[in-house]
Amino acid sequence: MDTDTTSIRLFIQLVIIYCNVYHTTSDQTVCSSYLVSGIYGVEDAALTASSTFTSNGDHRPEYARLYHDGLSKHSLSWSSASVNDQQYIQVKFPRETVVDTILIQGRGDLDQWVSTYYILYSMDGTTWTTVTSQNQEPKLFNGNSDMNSVVKVDLLPKVTAMYLRINPRSWNKHISLRFDVSGCYKARKKRYQSTFFRLQTPPSAALQYYLMNESMSTTFPACSAMCHTESSCFSFTFDVNQKLCRGYKTVIFGKHGSFTNEAVHYFVQNVANPSLGFQQLPASIFKYKINEVIQDQNEAFHLCISYQSRLIRIASKSKMETLQNIIAGNTILRKHHNQLFVSGMYVAPQWKYNDGSEVINSVLWSPGNPNVTQGNCVILTLAGLASMDCAEKLFSICESF
């Protein structure tokens, strides 16, 4: 069913189980500190170069990812074949991207690095614009002075591009580098089927905090239509006796299954958008997204809400181990961002998930945790759950249906 107006389809088995609503999503901004090398980074084919050194190992462009640690068969960076100021390495983004930061690093296994460089950008890969200084001359960016330190430079103003190119202008011994870029992109508008699932059990009483709309509605379809037309409405309830419709600016999580004949029906929107980066969690009904931006716990909590999701609840060792394996499988996460905010806070005298519904199982904690002297929020580490200062700036993980 595909029309220009909102369409609703009900599925009934004694009681309403779920309904499909067909509509257009709104643009959402997704940001990442590592658009090249992060867990949602570009494919190898998106990295190309003017030339590639082929003697004594492999120095292909895909080895230019930041923090690339290499294997015995190749070097710890991209290296050019020619050594002159016409060389470059470039990345093609999968979508139009606003770039705000460049991160550059040397070779890692030899004293080779780029000392200064130009930045160029393009929308088509053919016509290029060089980032300039205030005097309109090409801006010379400072690079590295050793083979491992990461040098970060901000682009002011930011540039919007499909392609970004680094053109080395001076170097130590040979042109070799690793790099990444930070920036944001829009998850574009898209027509898709949104499904509201009915929950078997009422959610936490804390749901009232997220109430954004309350109105009289004569029918259930009218109530569901209200929620989907409000951009900030992710869940709703419908009181069949009072004909009262309530919309909420958060995703309601609970059990799906058989139902009692209670008067108030609880529905959650199944809207994890793949373009935001949500992926299926193996052996689970949930989808997850790792947020590659550093935020405190409160900022991470609200970022997940904006994605129509929540901070991920780690309630089993299998779920925790799956996520730990995902983290360990990415060089950026494993080495530099292996502490991530997840659902959980200290509510004296217990540690509970953010909605206050359950106490966190003690078997999930890493050695020496939880410890309120370290902070009142919960993070996931490669050793297990741990306590952390809520004001710390970290990556985080969201989950949705």
Protein backbone atom coordinates (compact mmCIF):
# COMPACT_ATOMS: atom_id res chain seq x y z
CA MET A 1 0.00 0.00 0.00
CA ASP A 2 1.64 3.25 -1.09
CA THR A 3 -0.20 6.57 -1.15
CA ASP A 4 0.64 10.19 -0.58
CA THR A 5 -1.41 10.34 2.58
CA THR A 6 -1.19 8.47 5.83
CA SER A 7 -2.52 4.91 5.59
CA ILE A 8 -3.37 2.67 8.52
CA ARG A 9 -3.83 -1.09 8.46
CA LEU A 10 -5.05 -2.92 11.57
CA PHE A 11 -4.34 -6.55 12.43
CA ILE A 12 -6.93 -8.01 14.79
CA GLN A 13 -6.96 -11.25 16.74
CA LEU A 14 -9.62 -10.68 19.42
CA VAL A 15 -7.61 -7.59 20.34
CA ILE A 16 -5.49 -5.23 18.21
CA ILE A 17 -1.96 -6.68 18.01
CA TYR A 18 -0.28 -4.16 15.72
CA CYS A 19 -0.95 -1.66 12.99
CA ASN A 20 1.01 -0.51 9.98
CA VAL A 21 1.29 3.20 9.24
CA TYR A 22 2.80 4.30 5.92
CA HIS A 23 4.48 7.68 6.06
CA THR A 24 7.55 9.76 5.26
CA THR A 25 10.35 10.11 7.79
CA SER A 26 12.03 13.41 8.60
CA ASP A 27 15.70 14.13 7.99
CA GLN A 28 17.89 13.30 10.98
CA THR A 29 21.49 14.34 11.50
CA VAL A 30 24.01 11.57 12.21
CA CYS A 31 27.54 12.48 13.31
CA SER A 32 30.71 10.45 13.70
CA SER A 33 34.22 11.19 14.92
CA TYR A 34 35.56 8.56 12.50
CA LEU A 35 33.76 8.61 9.15
CA VAL A 36 36.57 6.65 7.47
CA SER A 37 37.69 4.08 10.04
CA GLY A 38 34.84 3.82 12.53
CA ILE A 39 32.42 0.92 12.84
CA TYR A 40 30.26 2.55 10.14
CA GLY A 41 33.28 3.69 8.14
CA VAL A 42 33.69 3.60 4.36
CA GLU A 43 34.39 0.51 2.27
CA ASP A 44 37.97 -0.12 1.16
CA ALA A 45 37.02 0.78 -2.41
CA ALA A 46 36.11 4.30 -1.27
CA LEU A 47 39.80 5.02 -0.53
CA THR A 48 41.93 5.80 -3.59
CA ALA A 49 45.28 7.49 -4.22
CA SER A 50 47.41 9.08 -6.91
CA SER A 51 49.99 6.27 -6.65
CA THR A 52 50.90 3.40 -4.32
CA PHE A 53 54.33 2.13 -3.33
CA THR A 54 54.54 -1.57 -4.21
CA SER A 55 58.04 -2.67 -3.18
CA ASN A 56 58.79 -4.34 0.15
CA GLY A 57 55.18 -5.06 1.10
CA ASP A 58 51.75 -3.66 0.53
CA HIS A 59 50.95 0.04 1.02
CA ARG A 60 47.46 0.30 -0.45
CA PRO A 61 45.09 3.24 0.27
CA GLU A 62 42.87 1.13 2.55
CA TYR A 63 45.83 0.90 4.96
CA ALA A 64 45.55 4.65 5.49
CA ARG A 65 42.81 4.19 8.09
CA LEU A 66 43.58 5.96 11.37
CA TYR A 67 45.27 3.69 13.96
CA HIS A 68 45.65 0.94 11.35
CA ASP A 69 47.93 -1.59 13.02
CA GLY A 70 48.76 -3.74 10.03
CA LEU A 71 49.66 -7.36 9.46
CA SER A 72 52.99 -8.95 8.68
CA LYS A 73 52.31 -8.74 4.95
CA HIS A 74 51.92 -4.96 4.67
CA SER A 75 52.94 -1.62 6.14
CA LEU A 76 51.16 0.49 8.72
CA SER A 77 49.96 3.16 6.29
CA TRP A 78 49.41 4.19 2.70
CA SER A 79 52.64 5.19 0.97
CA SER A 80 52.91 6.85 -2.42
CA ALA A 81 54.98 5.44 -5.28
CA SER A 82 56.13 8.87 -6.44
CA VAL A 83 57.55 11.41 -4.00
CA ASN A 84 56.41 14.88 -5.09
CA ASP A 85 53.79 17.48 -4.22
CA GLN A 86 51.29 16.09 -6.77
CA GLN A 87 50.48 13.03 -4.66
CA TYR A 88 47.18 12.59 -2.82
CA ILE A 89 44.90 10.18 -1.03
CA GLN A 90 41.14 10.67 -1.06
CA VAL A 91 37.91 9.26 0.33
CA LYS A 92 34.51 9.04 -1.33
CA PHE A 93 31.70 9.31 1.20
CA PRO A 94 28.53 7.25 0.69
CA ARG A 95 26.44 10.41 0.91
CA GLU A 96 26.79 14.19 1.02
CA THR A 97 28.75 14.90 4.22
CA VAL A 98 29.60 17.99 6.25
CA VAL A 99 33.25 17.64 7.30
CA ASP A 100 34.50 19.56 10.31
CA THR A 101 37.75 17.87 11.41
CA ILE A 102 40.79 16.14 9.88
CA LEU A 103 42.90 13.66 11.86
CA ILE A 104 46.29 12.62 10.45
CA GLN A 105 48.94 10.15 11.61
CA GLY A 106 52.32 8.88 10.37
CA ARG A 107 53.30 5.44 9.10
CA GLY A 108 53.59 3.64 12.43
CA ASP A 109 56.45 1.24 11.65
CA LEU A 110 58.98 3.65 10.09
CA ASP A 111 59.95 7.30 10.52
CA GLN A 112 57.75 8.48 7.66
CA TRP A 113 55.02 11.10 7.94
CA VAL A 114 53.44 14.10 6.25
CA SER A 115 54.48 17.43 7.79
CA THR A 116 52.16 19.79 5.88
CA TYR A 117 49.27 19.30 3.46
CA TYR A 118 46.42 20.89 1.54
CA ILE A 119 42.76 19.80 1.77
CA LEU A 120 40.59 19.65 -1.35
CA TYR A 121 36.94 18.68 -1.65
CA SER A 122 34.49 17.89 -4.43
CA MET A 123 30.88 16.93 -5.08
CA ASP A 124 31.57 14.91 -8.25
CA GLY A 125 35.19 13.74 -8.00
CA THR A 126 36.11 15.86 -11.02
CA THR A 127 35.88 19.52 -10.00
CA TRP A 128 37.91 20.20 -6.87
CA THR A 129 38.03 23.15 -4.46
CA THR A 130 41.05 23.78 -2.25
CA VAL A 131 40.43 24.93 1.32
CA THR A 132 41.83 28.47 1.53
CA SER A 133 42.98 30.90 4.19
CA GLN A 134 41.40 34.32 4.71
CA ASN A 135 43.68 35.75 2.00
CA GLN A 136 42.17 33.19 -0.44
CA GLU A 137 45.49 31.37 -0.80
CA PRO A 138 45.52 27.57 -0.31
CA LYS A 139 45.62 26.88 3.41
CA LEU A 140 48.65 24.89 4.51
CA PHE A 141 47.69 22.55 7.35
CA ASN A 142 50.25 21.29 9.85
CA GLY A 143 50.64 17.51 9.97
CA ASN A 144 52.84 15.19 11.97
CA SER A 145 56.29 15.34 13.55
CA ASP A 146 56.50 11.62 14.41
CA MET A 147 55.12 8.33 13.14
CA ASN A 148 52.31 7.67 15.65
CA SER A 149 50.88 10.85 17.20
CA VAL A 150 47.50 11.96 15.87
CA VAL A 151 47.26 15.62 14.85
CA LYS A 152 43.75 17.05 14.69
CA VAL A 153 42.80 20.18 12.74
CA ASP A 154 39.41 21.86 12.50
CA LEU A 155 37.98 23.06 9.21
CA LEU A 156 36.59 26.58 9.67
CA PRO A 157 34.25 26.94 7.95
CA LYS A 158 33.15 23.34 7.54
CA VAL A 159 32.98 21.93 4.04
CA THR A 160 30.18 19.92 2.40
CA ALA A 161 31.46 17.22 0.08
CA MET A 162 31.09 13.80 -1.49
CA TYR A 163 34.88 13.51 -1.87
CA LEU A 164 37.73 14.74 0.34
CA ARG A 165 41.39 14.73 -0.69
CA ILE A 166 44.65 15.17 1.25
CA ASN A 167 47.53 16.57 -0.84
CA PRO A 168 50.88 16.30 1.04
CA ARG A 169 53.16 19.32 0.57
CA SER A 170 56.12 18.35 2.78
CA TRP A 171 57.10 15.09 4.47
CA ASN A 172 59.74 13.19 6.37
CA LYS A 173 61.69 10.68 4.22
CA HIS A 174 58.65 9.45 2.26
CA ILE A 175 54.96 10.31 1.74
CA SER A 176 53.17 7.97 4.15
CA LEU A 177 50.09 8.61 6.26
CA ARG A 178 46.99 7.38 8.04
CA PHE A 179 43.95 9.61 8.45
CA ASP A 180 40.31 10.05 9.32
CA VAL A 181 37.68 12.79 9.24
CA SER A 182 34.90 13.82 11.58
CA GLY A 183 31.57 15.19 10.44
CA CYS A 184 27.85 14.71 9.98
CA TYR A 185 25.36 13.65 7.35
CA LYS A 186 21.61 13.63 6.93
CA ALA A 187 19.61 10.41 7.06
CA ARG A 188 17.36 11.39 4.18
CA LYS A 189 13.58 11.40 4.02
CA LYS A 190 12.20 8.07 2.97
CA ARG A 191 8.78 6.49 2.63
CA TYR A 192 8.59 3.32 4.68
CA GLN A 193 6.21 1.16 6.65
CA SER A 194 6.10 1.94 10.36
CA THR A 195 4.62 -0.67 12.65
CA PHE A 196 3.15 0.00 16.09
CA PHE A 197 3.37 -3.11 18.27
CA ARG A 198 1.09 -3.60 21.24
CA LEU A 199 2.87 -4.43 24.50
CA GLN A 200 1.83 -7.31 26.68
CA THR A 201 2.62 -5.53 29.95
CA PRO A 202 2.42 -1.87 31.00
CA PRO A 203 5.73 0.03 30.88
CA SER A 204 7.44 1.81 33.76
CA ALA A 205 5.58 4.53 35.64
CA ALA A 206 8.37 6.88 34.50
CA LEU A 207 6.65 6.98 31.11
CA GLN A 208 4.57 9.93 32.31
CA TYR A 209 7.71 12.07 32.22
CA TYR A 210 7.72 11.79 28.40
CA LEU A 211 4.08 12.74 27.78
CA MET A 212 3.93 15.16 24.84
CA ASN A 213 0.29 15.02 23.75
CA GLU A 214 -3.03 14.14 25.37
CA SER A 215 -6.38 14.34 23.61
CA MET A 216 -9.78 12.72 23.30
CA SER A 217 -9.91 10.31 20.36
CA THR A 218 -12.96 8.35 19.33
CA THR A 219 -11.05 5.53 17.64
CA PHE A 220 -7.77 3.67 17.87
CA PRO A 221 -6.81 4.47 14.23
CA ALA A 222 -7.21 8.17 14.95
CA CYS A 223 -4.92 7.82 17.97
CA SER A 224 -2.22 6.01 16.00
CA ALA A 225 -2.46 8.61 13.21
CA MET A 226 -1.94 11.37 15.79
CA CYS A 227 1.30 9.77 16.95
CA HIS A 228 2.80 9.20 13.54
CA THR A 229 2.09 12.75 12.33
CA GLU A 230 3.91 14.23 15.34
CA SER A 231 7.64 14.09 14.59
CA SER A 232 8.55 13.66 18.28
CA CYS A 233 5.94 10.97 19.08
CA PHE A 234 7.42 7.48 19.27
CA SER A 235 4.81 5.63 21.39
CA PHE A 236 1.18 6.03 22.36
CA THR A 237 -1.53 4.66 24.63
CA PHE A 238 -5.23 4.41 23.95
CA ASP A 239 -7.80 4.12 26.75
CA VAL A 240 -10.72 2.24 25.19
CA ASN A 241 -13.15 3.27 27.96
CA GLN A 242 -12.34 6.97 28.25
CA LYS A 243 -11.37 7.31 24.56
CA LEU A 244 -8.21 9.05 25.76
CA CYS A 245 -5.14 9.12 23.51
CA ARG A 246 -1.67 9.92 24.87
CA GLY A 247 1.51 10.34 22.82
CA TYR A 248 5.02 10.01 24.26
CA LYS A 249 8.39 11.35 23.12
CA THR A 250 10.18 8.10 23.92
CA VAL A 251 10.11 4.49 22.80
CA ILE A 252 8.14 2.23 25.16
CA PHE A 253 9.91 -1.05 25.75
CA GLY A 254 8.14 -4.13 27.10
CA LYS A 255 6.99 -7.64 26.24
CA HIS A 256 5.05 -8.60 23.14
CA GLY A 257 2.69 -11.56 23.30
CA SER A 258 -0.71 -12.49 24.71
CA PHE A 259 -2.86 -9.79 26.26
CA THR A 260 -5.24 -9.25 29.11
CA ASN A 261 -8.39 -7.16 28.74
CA GLU A 262 -7.03 -4.05 30.42
CA ALA A 263 -8.61 -0.78 29.32
CA VAL A 264 -5.36 0.99 28.38
CA HIS A 265 -3.48 -0.41 25.38
CA TYR A 266 0.22 0.37 25.01
CA PHE A 267 1.83 0.66 21.57
CA VAL A 268 5.45 1.25 20.52
CA GLN A 269 6.66 2.29 17.09
CA ASN A 270 8.99 -0.11 15.31
CA VAL A 271 11.09 2.46 13.48
CA ALA A 272 14.81 1.68 13.74
CA ASN A 273 16.02 3.38 10.56
CA PRO A 274 18.96 1.55 8.90
CA SER A 275 20.19 4.84 7.45
CA LEU A 276 20.91 5.98 11.02
CA GLY A 277 23.28 3.03 11.44
CA PHE A 278 21.03 0.59 13.33
CA GLN A 279 22.01 -3.03 12.78
CA GLN A 280 20.43 -6.27 13.92
CA LEU A 281 21.90 -7.60 17.15
CA PRO A 282 22.62 -11.30 16.54
CA ALA A 283 20.14 -13.73 18.15
CA SER A 284 17.93 -10.84 19.29
CA ILE A 285 14.79 -8.95 18.27
CA PHE A 286 16.66 -5.70 18.93
CA LYS A 287 18.77 -3.49 16.70
CA TYR A 288 21.76 -1.55 18.00
CA LYS A 289 23.71 1.56 17.04
CA ILE A 290 27.08 2.64 18.40
CA ASN A 291 27.25 6.44 18.62
CA GLU A 292 30.72 7.53 17.56
CA VAL A 293 30.50 10.93 19.21
CA ILE A 294 31.74 11.74 22.69
CA GLN A 295 28.95 12.84 25.04
CA ASP A 296 28.08 12.72 28.71
CA GLN A 297 25.47 10.19 29.81
CA ASN A 298 22.57 12.65 29.71
CA GLU A 299 23.48 13.77 26.18
CA ALA A 300 23.78 10.15 25.07
CA PHE A 301 20.40 9.36 26.65
CA HIS A 302 18.69 12.11 24.66
CA LEU A 303 20.57 11.26 21.46
CA CYS A 304 19.07 7.77 21.62
CA ILE A 305 15.61 9.27 22.16
CA SER A 306 16.09 11.42 19.06
CA TYR A 307 16.76 8.21 17.14
CA GLN A 308 13.50 6.75 18.50
CA SER A 309 15.45 4.35 20.69
CA ARG A 310 16.98 4.09 24.16
CA LEU A 311 20.37 3.48 25.75
CA ILE A 312 20.92 -0.25 25.39
CA ARG A 313 19.95 -2.48 28.33
CA ILE A 314 22.51 -5.21 28.92
CA ALA A 315 20.56 -7.83 30.86
CA SER A 316 22.38 -11.05 29.91
CA LYS A 317 25.95 -12.27 29.54
CA SER A 318 25.29 -13.40 25.97
CA LYS A 319 24.12 -9.92 24.94
CA MET A 320 27.12 -8.36 26.69
CA GLU A 321 29.57 -10.76 25.03
CA THR A 322 28.07 -10.10 21.60
CA LEU A 323 28.60 -6.36 22.02
CA GLN A 324 32.11 -6.87 23.41
CA ASN A 325 33.00 -8.89 20.30
CA ILE A 326 31.65 -6.10 18.09
CA ILE A 327 33.79 -3.55 19.95
CA ALA A 328 36.88 -5.77 19.84
CA GLY A 329 36.44 -6.21 16.08
CA ASN A 330 37.01 -2.53 15.28
CA THR A 331 40.46 -0.99 15.80
CA ILE A 332 39.11 2.45 16.76
CA LEU A 333 36.74 1.05 19.38
CA ARG A 334 39.09 -1.61 20.72
CA LYS A 335 42.05 0.72 21.22
CA HIS A 336 40.58 4.11 21.98
CA HIS A 337 36.84 3.97 22.73
CA ASN A 338 36.25 0.71 24.60
CA GLN A 339 34.18 2.33 27.34
CA LEU A 340 30.64 3.16 26.20
CA PHE A 341 27.61 4.46 28.07
CA VAL A 342 24.75 1.96 28.33
CA SER A 343 21.52 1.99 30.32
CA GLY A 344 22.05 2.06 34.07
CA MET A 345 22.31 4.41 37.05
CA TYR A 346 22.82 4.20 40.80
CA VAL A 347 19.50 4.69 42.57
CA ALA A 348 20.39 4.21 46.22
CA PRO A 349 20.81 1.55 47.35
CA GLN A 350 20.72 -0.28 43.99
CA TRP A 351 22.00 -0.10 40.44
CA LYS A 352 19.06 -0.05 38.02
CA TYR A 353 18.42 0.50 34.33
CA ASN A 354 17.55 4.07 33.36
CA ASP A 355 13.81 3.47 33.41
CA GLY A 356 14.09 2.18 36.99
CA SER A 357 12.34 -1.07 36.14
CA GLU A 358 14.96 -3.66 37.09
CA VAL A 359 18.09 -4.12 39.16
CA ILE A 360 21.21 -4.91 37.12
CA ASN A 361 22.32 -8.52 37.57
CA SER A 362 25.50 -8.77 39.64
CA VAL A 363 27.11 -11.30 37.26
CA LEU A 364 27.39 -8.61 34.57
CA TRP A 365 29.77 -6.37 36.52
CA SER A 366 33.52 -6.36 35.86
CA PRO A 367 35.92 -6.99 38.78
CA GLY A 368 35.84 -4.15 41.33
CA ASN A 369 32.48 -2.87 40.12
CA PRO A 370 30.05 -1.31 40.73
CA ASN A 371 31.75 1.40 42.75
CA VAL A 372 29.87 4.62 43.47
CA THR A 373 33.15 6.44 44.10
CA GLN A 374 33.84 6.08 40.37
CA GLY A 375 30.46 7.53 39.38
CA ASN A 376 26.73 6.84 39.25
CA CYS A 377 26.33 5.80 35.61
CA VAL A 378 26.98 2.50 33.84
CA ILE A 379 29.38 1.79 30.99
CA LEU A 380 30.21 -1.30 28.97
CA THR A 381 33.90 -2.32 28.86
CA LEU A 382 35.69 -5.32 27.42
CA ALA A 383 35.80 -6.73 30.97
CA GLY A 384 32.09 -6.22 31.75
CA LEU A 385 29.88 -3.46 33.12
CA ALA A 386 31.50 -0.73 35.21
CA SER A 387 30.54 2.44 37.03
CA MET A 388 31.53 5.81 35.58
CA ASP A 389 31.12 9.52 36.26
CA CYS A 390 27.98 10.58 34.38
CA ALA A 391 29.75 13.76 33.19
CA GLU A 392 32.51 11.81 31.43
CA LYS A 393 32.51 12.17 27.62
CA LEU A 394 32.27 8.77 25.94
CA PHE A 395 30.76 6.88 23.02
CA SER A 396 27.42 5.18 23.70
CA ILE A 397 25.10 2.46 22.37
CA CYS A 398 21.39 2.78 21.52
CA GLU A 399 18.90 -0.01 20.87
CA SER A 400 15.51 -0.20 19.22
CA PHE A 401 13.14 -2.81 17.82
